[in-house]
C-alpha atoms as a PDB file:
ATOM      1  CA  MET A   1       0.024  -0.241  -0.084  1.00  0.00           C
ATOM      2  CA  ILE A   2       1.262   3.497  -0.857  1.00  0.00           C
ATOM      3  CA  GLU A   3       0.204   6.499   1.104  1.00  0.00           C
ATOM      4  CA  PHE A   4       0.457   9.990  -0.340  1.00  0.00           C
ATOM      5  CA  VAL A   5      -0.672  13.599   0.205  1.00  0.00           C
ATOM      6  CA  LEU A   6      -2.098  15.620  -2.915  1.00  0.00           C
ATOM      7  CA  LYS A   7      -2.696  19.025  -1.901  1.00  0.00           C
ATOM      8  CA  ASN A   8      -4.358  19.017   1.450  1.00  0.00           C
ATOM      9  CA  ARG A   9      -5.830  15.433   0.736  1.00  0.00           C
ATOM     10  CA  LYS A  10      -4.268  12.121   2.270  1.00  0.00           C
ATOM     11  CA  PHE A  11      -4.699   9.124  -0.140  1.00  0.00           C
ATOM     12  CA  ARG A  12      -3.910   5.301  -0.035  1.00  0.00           C
ATOM     13  CA  LEU A  13      -3.225   3.248  -3.206  1.00  0.00           C
ATOM     14  CA  HIS A  14      -3.659  -0.395  -2.503  1.00  0.00           C
ATOM     15  CA  PRO A  15      -1.568  -3.190  -4.473  1.00  0.00           C
ATOM     16  CA  ASP A  16      -5.424  -4.110  -5.925  1.00  0.00           C
ATOM     17  CA  GLY A  17      -5.576  -0.632  -7.575  1.00  0.00           C
ATOM     18  CA  ILE A  18      -8.266   0.408  -5.291  1.00  0.00           C
ATOM     19  CA  ILE A  19      -7.764   4.212  -4.273  1.00  0.00           C
ATOM     20  CA  TYR A  20      -9.011   5.615  -0.663  1.00  0.00           C
ATOM     21  CA  VAL A  21      -9.039   9.225   0.460  1.00  0.00           C
ATOM     22  CA  ARG A  22      -9.295  10.853   3.821  1.00  0.00           C
ATOM     23  CA  ALA A  23     -12.674  11.975   4.590  1.00  0.00           C
ATOM     24  CA  HIS A  24     -13.085  15.772   4.756  1.00  0.00           C
ATOM     25  CA  ARG A  25     -15.905  18.109   6.201  1.00  0.00           C
ATOM     26  CA  ASN A  26     -15.768  21.610   5.003  1.00  0.00           C
ATOM     27  CA  GLY A  27     -12.368  21.272   3.602  1.00  0.00           C
ATOM     28  CA  VAL A  28     -10.824  20.200   6.813  1.00  0.00           C
ATOM     29  CA  GLU A  29      -9.988  16.403   7.665  1.00  0.00           C
ATOM     30  CA  THR A  30     -12.368  14.687   9.912  1.00  0.00           C
ATOM     31  CA  LYS A  31     -11.314  13.691  13.325  1.00  0.00           C
ATOM     32  CA  ASN A  32     -12.300   9.881  13.350  1.00  0.00           C
ATOM     33  CA  GLY A  33      -9.625   8.911  10.457  1.00  0.00           C
ATOM     34  CA  THR A  34     -12.549   7.758   8.176  1.00  0.00           C
ATOM     35  CA  TRP A  35     -10.947   6.699   4.765  1.00  0.00           C
ATOM     36  CA  LYS A  36     -13.722   6.520   1.828  1.00  0.00           C
ATOM     37  CA  GLN A  37     -13.015   4.597  -1.454  1.00  0.00           C
ATOM     38  CA  VAL A  38     -12.576   6.950  -4.321  1.00  0.00           C
ATOM     39  CA  LYS A  39     -15.459   6.246  -7.019  1.00  0.00           C
ATOM     40  CA  PHE A  40     -14.181   6.217 -10.713  1.00  0.00           C
ATOM     41  CA  CYS A  41     -16.807   6.338 -13.379  1.00  0.00           C
ATOM     42  CA  GLU A  42     -15.871   6.082 -17.281  1.00  0.00           C
ATOM     43  CA  THR A  43     -16.102   9.193 -19.311  1.00  0.00           C
ATOM     44  CA  SER A  44     -18.350   8.984 -22.143  1.00  0.00           C
ATOM     45  CA  SER A  45     -15.871  10.603 -24.726  1.00  0.00           C
ATOM     46  CA  SER A  46     -12.807   9.302 -23.638  1.00  0.00           C
ATOM     47  CA  ALA A  47     -13.330   5.875 -21.698  1.00  0.00           C
ATOM     48  CA  TYR A  48     -10.725   7.005 -19.145  1.00  0.00           C
ATOM     49  CA  LEU A  49     -11.772   6.454 -15.341  1.00  0.00           C
ATOM     50  CA  GLN A  50     -12.338   9.853 -13.363  1.00  0.00           C
ATOM     51  CA  CYS A  51     -13.521  10.853 -10.287  1.00  0.00           C
ATOM     52  CA  LYS A  52     -14.301  14.431  -8.830  1.00  0.00           C
ATOM     53  CA  LEU A  53     -12.246  15.367  -6.107  1.00  0.00           C
ATOM     54  CA  ARG A  54     -11.886  18.989  -3.883  1.00  0.00           C
ATOM     55  CA  PHE A  55      -8.853  20.409  -3.065  1.00  0.00           C
ATOM     56  CA  ASP A  56      -8.628  23.498  -1.073  1.00  0.00           C
ATOM     57  CA  GLY A  57     -12.499  23.413  -1.472  1.00  0.00           C
ATOM     58  CA  VAL A  58     -12.058  23.638  -5.169  1.00  0.00           C
ATOM     59  CA  PRO A  59     -13.737  20.560  -7.294  1.00  0.00           C
ATOM     60  CA  CYS A  60     -11.599  19.156  -9.741  1.00  0.00           C
ATOM     61  CA  MET A  61     -11.929  16.077 -12.382  1.00  0.00           C
ATOM     62  CA  VAL A  62      -8.899  13.667 -11.931  1.00  0.00           C
ATOM     63  CA  VAL A  63      -8.190  10.849 -14.149  1.00  0.00           C
ATOM     64  CA  LYS A  64      -7.234   7.433 -12.363  1.00  0.00           C
ATOM     65  CA  HIS A  65      -3.958   7.039 -14.161  1.00  0.00           C
ATOM     66  CA  ARG A  66      -2.699  10.280 -13.508  1.00  0.00           C
ATOM     67  CA  LEU A  67      -3.500   9.676  -9.704  1.00  0.00           C
ATOM     68  CA  VAL A  68      -1.934   6.329  -9.882  1.00  0.00           C
ATOM     69  CA  TYR A  69       1.213   7.648 -11.719  1.00  0.00           C
ATOM     70  CA  TYR A  70       1.559  10.228  -9.168  1.00  0.00           C
ATOM     71  CA  ALA A  71       1.404   7.970  -6.188  1.00  0.00           C
ATOM     72  CA  HIS A  72       4.501   6.208  -7.480  1.00  0.00           C
ATOM     73  CA  ASN A  73       6.211   9.603  -9.149  1.00  0.00           C
ATOM     74  CA  GLN A  74       5.233  12.234  -6.055  1.00  0.00           C
ATOM     75  CA  SER A  75       7.848  14.588  -7.600  1.00  0.00           C
ATOM     76  CA  TRP A  76       5.779  14.788 -10.773  1.00  0.00           C
ATOM     77  CA  ASN A  77       3.497  17.541 -11.353  1.00  0.00           C
ATOM     78  CA  ILE A  78       0.015  15.817 -11.851  1.00  0.00           C
ATOM     79  CA  PHE A  79      -1.770  19.429 -12.578  1.00  0.00           C
ATOM     80  CA  ASP A  80       0.601  20.283 -15.267  1.00  0.00           C
ATOM     81  CA  SER A  81      -1.635  19.326 -18.305  1.00  0.00           C
ATOM     82  CA  SER A  82       0.545  20.610 -21.015  1.00  0.00           C
ATOM     83  CA  MET A  83       1.581  18.657 -24.454  1.00  0.00           C
ATOM     84  CA  ASN A  84       4.892  17.511 -22.682  1.00  0.00           C
ATOM     85  CA  ASN A  85       3.359  15.874 -19.540  1.00  0.00           C
ATOM     86  CA  MET A  86       1.207  12.958 -20.499  1.00  0.00           C
ATOM     87  CA  ILE A  87       0.742   9.509 -18.990  1.00  0.00           C
ATOM     88  CA  ASP A  88       0.409   6.975 -21.568  1.00  0.00           C
ATOM     89  CA  HIS A  89      -1.250   3.434 -21.468  1.00  0.00           C
ATOM     90  CA  ILE A  90       1.706   1.253 -22.671  1.00  0.00           C
ATOM     91  CA  ASN A  91      -1.042  -1.739 -23.887  1.00  0.00           C
ATOM     92  CA  GLY A  92      -3.366   0.901 -24.989  1.00  0.00           C
ATOM     93  CA  ASN A  93      -5.930  -0.372 -22.572  1.00  0.00           C
ATOM     94  CA  ARG A  94      -7.239   2.842 -20.754  1.00  0.00           C
ATOM     95  CA  SER A  95      -8.663   0.867 -17.592  1.00  0.00           C
ATOM     96  CA  ASP A  96      -5.461  -1.053 -16.931  1.00  0.00           C
ATOM     97  CA  ASN A  97      -3.863   1.420 -14.648  1.00  0.00           C
ATOM     98  CA  HIS A  98      -1.264  -0.829 -13.188  1.00  0.00           C
ATOM     99  CA  ILE A  99       2.034   1.333 -12.827  1.00  0.00           C
ATOM    100  CA  GLU A 100       3.711  -1.038 -15.112  1.00  0.00           C
ATOM    101  CA  ASN A 101       1.430  -0.093 -17.745  1.00  0.00           C
ATOM    102  CA  LEU A 102       2.045   3.747 -17.290  1.00  0.00           C
ATOM    103  CA  ARG A 103       4.567   6.032 -18.437  1.00  0.00           C
ATOM    104  CA  LYS A 104       5.209   9.782 -18.879  1.00  0.00           C
ATOM    105  CA  VAL A 105       5.101  10.708 -22.499  1.00  0.00           C
ATOM    106  CA  THR A 106       4.861  13.627 -24.607  1.00  0.00           C
ATOM    107  CA  HIS A 107       1.846  14.420 -26.725  1.00  0.00           C
ATOM    108  CA  GLN A 108       3.605  13.277 -29.758  1.00  0.00           C
ATOM    109  CA  GLN A 109       5.061  10.127 -28.230  1.00  0.00           C
ATOM    110  CA  ASN A 110       1.390   9.372 -27.236  1.00  0.00           C
ATOM    111  CA  MET A 111      -0.038   9.396 -30.576  1.00  0.00           C
ATOM    112  CA  TRP A 112       2.324   6.988 -31.600  1.00  0.00           C
ATOM    113  CA  ASN A 113       0.609   4.469 -29.250  1.00  0.00           C
ATOM    114  CA  SER A 114      -2.586   5.259 -31.249  1.00  0.00           C
ATOM    115  CA  LYS A 115      -4.384   2.227 -33.312  1.00  0.00           C
ATOM    116  CA  ALA A 116      -3.697   4.362 -36.821  1.00  0.00           C
ATOM    117  CA  LYS A 117      -2.299   1.790 -39.519  1.00  0.00           C
ATOM    118  CA  GLY A 118       0.031   3.855 -41.247  1.00  0.00           C
ATOM    119  CA  TYR A 119      -1.041   3.154 -44.729  1.00  0.00           C
ATOM    120  CA  THR A 120      -3.949   3.490 -46.799  1.00  0.00           C
ATOM    121  CA  TRP A 121      -5.350   2.698 -50.637  1.00  0.00           C
ATOM    122  CA  SER A 122      -4.461   5.252 -53.315  1.00  0.00           C
ATOM    123  CA  LYS A 123      -7.091   5.284 -55.709  1.00  0.00           C
ATOM    124  CA  GLY A 124      -5.003   7.333 -58.044  1.00  0.00           C
ATOM    125  CA  LYS A 125      -1.959   5.191 -58.047  1.00  0.00           C
ATOM    126  CA  SER A 126      -3.954   1.952 -57.413  1.00  0.00           C
ATOM    127  CA  LYS A 127      -1.445   1.076 -54.789  1.00  0.00           C
ATOM    128  CA  TRP A 128      -1.137   0.839 -51.039  1.00  0.00           C
ATOM    129  CA  GLN A 129       0.577   3.941 -49.713  1.00  0.00           C
ATOM    130  CA  SER A 130       2.627   4.042 -46.689  1.00  0.00           C
ATOM    131  CA  GLN A 131       3.584   7.079 -44.578  1.00  0.00           C
ATOM    132  CA  ILE A 132       4.341   7.942 -40.794  1.00  0.00           C
ATOM    133  CA  MET A 133       4.451  11.297 -38.662  1.00  0.00           C
ATOM    134  CA  ILE A 134       7.791  12.418 -37.634  1.00  0.00           C
ATOM    135  CA  ASN A 135       7.788  15.864 -35.841  1.00  0.00           C
ATOM    136  CA  HIS A 136       4.337  16.614 -37.079  1.00  0.00           C
ATOM    137  CA  LYS A 137       5.292  16.219 -40.338  1.00  0.00           C
ATOM    138  CA  LYS A 138       4.441  13.379 -42.871  1.00  0.00           C
ATOM    139  CA  LYS A 139       7.318  11.054 -44.261  1.00  0.00           C
ATOM    140  CA  HIS A 140       6.133   8.928 -47.416  1.00  0.00           C
ATOM    141  CA  LEU A 141       7.063   5.371 -47.078  1.00  0.00           C
ATOM    142  CA  GLY A 142       6.254   4.452 -50.597  1.00  0.00           C
ATOM    143  CA  TYR A 143       3.564   2.630 -52.507  1.00  0.00           C
ATOM    144  CA  PHE A 144       3.274  -0.935 -52.565  1.00  0.00           C
ATOM    145  CA  ASP A 145       1.447  -3.340 -54.354  1.00  0.00           C
ATOM    146  CA  ASN A 146       0.167  -5.324 -51.640  1.00  0.00           C
ATOM    147  CA  GLU A 147      -1.400  -4.349 -48.072  1.00  0.00           C
ATOM    148  CA  GLU A 148       1.250  -6.498 -46.326  1.00  0.00           C
ATOM    149  CA  ASP A 149       4.174  -4.806 -47.812  1.00  0.00           C
ATOM    150  CA  ALA A 150       2.730  -1.176 -46.970  1.00  0.00           C
ATOM    151  CA  ARG A 151       1.663  -2.464 -43.392  1.00  0.00           C
ATOM    152  CA  ASN A 152       5.539  -3.849 -43.075  1.00  0.00           C
ATOM    153  CA  ALA A 153       7.154  -0.561 -44.286  1.00  0.00           C
ATOM    154  CA  TYR A 154       5.127   1.465 -41.738  1.00  0.00           C
ATOM    155  CA  LEU A 155       5.830  -0.981 -38.653  1.00  0.00           C
ATOM    156  CA  GLU A 156       9.634  -0.712 -39.688  1.00  0.00           C
ATOM    157  CA  ALA A 157       9.445   2.923 -39.909  1.00  0.00           C
ATOM    158  CA  LYS A 158       7.743   3.125 -36.356  1.00  0.00           C
ATOM    159  CA  ASN A 159      10.234   0.969 -34.899  1.00  0.00           C
ATOM    160  CA  THR A 160      13.035   3.396 -36.109  1.00  0.00           C
ATOM    161  CA  TYR A 161      11.462   6.522 -35.659  1.00  0.00           C
ATOM    162  CA  HIS A 162       8.787   6.318 -32.856  1.00  0.00           C
ATOM    163  CA  ILE A 163      11.225   5.159 -29.930  1.00  0.00           C
ATOM    164  CA  ILE A 164      10.208   5.966 -26.120  1.00  0.00           C
ATOM    165  CA  GLU A 165      13.042   6.150 -23.771  1.00  0.00           C
END
């Protein structure tokens, strides 16, 4: 179990992934030492698990994977929502919030983990076209007679250019 403090709130992250928070009343921690399970619900738009918590009396929406990552890396700024401070689910499963499946990435690195195929059918050439995004620019990888060759060209380029350290 990991105990941590975020602003004025005390949390516990259990090995089974359940998060508890110390009970508060009117912005002050209760004296009886009660811990309440944080209830997460799936957002309709993104399928991330999120909850509403109050920090210094102000309500704030917090996604579970950021809270879990913070529990393990408390020097990380959980409230920095910039493009260089994202948390990625390595296996692409947004409900798998084990720390082994989470890593800090930039927005660009996070996009590398998307479901995009990297190739499409070109009607004008009557061939499969393969391409990859590098530093926000498309790099043309070639035209191919069959889909498998276009896919392999993309996967090879992905292994070369999309490396997360």
